[in-house]
Amino acid sequence: MTRFVHGGSRPRSFLLPDALDDYVTDTNRVRVVDVFVDELDFPQLGTEGNEPALTYRPSYHPEVPLKIYIYG
């Protein structure tokens, strides 16, 4: 069991022929937020997280809610 919930790959195709990246333009600010948060060193920032119990779902990696918060 992993410590965090991992999202899917954005370039991956879904049931429809379009990929998620096709819906976001190259100049959208969400791409800047994505690169900025990916460059942060989360263990150095003290966000290593906790080990989930065997009966519970793992938490989201701290970068996911941070991206939503900054973009939001």
Protein backbone atom coordinates (compact mmCIF):
# COMPACT_ATOMS: atom_id res chain seq x y z
CA MET A 1 0.00 0.00 0.00
CA THR A 2 1.42 3.40 -0.94
CA ARG A 3 1.34 6.44 1.30
CA PHE A 4 -0.38 8.72 -1.21
CA VAL A 5 -3.13 8.54 -3.83
CA HIS A 6 -1.52 8.96 -7.24
CA GLY A 7 -3.38 10.66 -10.08
CA GLY A 8 -3.48 9.44 -13.63
CA SER A 9 -1.16 10.53 -16.39
CA ARG A 10 -2.41 13.65 -18.17
CA PRO A 11 -1.23 12.58 -21.64
CA ARG A 12 -2.97 9.21 -21.25
CA SER A 13 -5.98 8.73 -23.50
CA PHE A 14 -9.36 8.03 -21.98
CA LEU A 15 -12.35 6.22 -23.42
CA LEU A 16 -12.75 9.11 -25.83
CA PRO A 17 -9.92 9.82 -28.25
CA ASP A 18 -8.99 13.08 -26.49
CA ALA A 19 -6.34 13.31 -23.80
CA LEU A 20 -6.78 15.61 -20.78
CA ASP A 21 -3.93 17.81 -22.02
CA ASP A 22 -5.96 18.57 -25.16
CA TYR A 23 -8.44 20.57 -23.06
CA VAL A 24 -5.78 22.94 -21.63
CA THR A 25 -4.08 25.47 -23.90
CA ASP A 26 -0.30 25.86 -23.90
CA THR A 27 -0.62 29.40 -22.52
CA ASN A 28 -2.97 28.56 -19.63
CA ARG A 29 -1.67 29.58 -16.19
CA VAL A 30 -2.37 26.09 -14.85
CA ARG A 31 0.77 24.92 -16.66
CA VAL A 32 2.88 27.47 -14.72
CA VAL A 33 1.34 26.33 -11.43
CA ASP A 34 2.02 22.70 -12.37
CA VAL A 35 5.72 23.34 -13.09
CA PHE A 36 6.15 25.55 -10.00
CA VAL A 37 4.69 23.02 -7.56
CA ASP A 38 6.55 20.12 -9.20
CA GLU A 39 9.84 21.93 -8.52
CA LEU A 40 9.18 22.24 -4.75
CA ASP A 41 11.07 19.88 -2.45
CA PHE A 42 8.25 18.61 -0.23
CA PRO A 43 10.35 16.50 2.18
CA GLN A 44 12.53 19.56 2.86
CA LEU A 45 9.36 21.58 3.54
CA GLY A 46 8.34 19.04 6.19
CA THR A 47 5.41 17.44 4.39
CA GLU A 48 6.44 13.81 4.44
CA GLY A 49 2.99 12.68 5.62
CA ASN A 50 1.92 9.78 7.80
CA GLU A 51 1.75 6.07 7.19
CA PRO A 52 -1.90 5.09 6.60
CA ALA A 53 -3.50 2.33 8.65
CA LEU A 54 -4.22 -0.89 6.78
CA THR A 55 -7.96 -0.21 6.76
CA TYR A 56 -7.83 3.39 5.54
CA ARG A 57 -7.33 4.95 2.14
CA PRO A 58 -4.00 6.76 1.72
CA SER A 59 -3.99 10.54 1.72
CA TYR A 60 -3.35 12.71 -1.33
CA HIS A 61 0.21 13.82 -1.94
CA PRO A 62 0.58 17.41 -0.63
CA GLU A 63 1.28 18.73 -4.14
CA VAL A 64 -2.26 17.94 -5.34
CA PRO A 65 -4.21 20.21 -2.94
CA LEU A 66 -1.47 22.86 -3.21
CA LYS A 67 -1.91 23.01 -7.00
CA ILE A 68 -5.67 23.33 -6.57
CA TYR A 69 -5.26 26.03 -3.90
CA ILE A 70 -2.83 28.12 -5.96
CA TYR A 71 -4.81 27.79 -9.18
CA GLY A 72 -8.21 28.11 -7.50
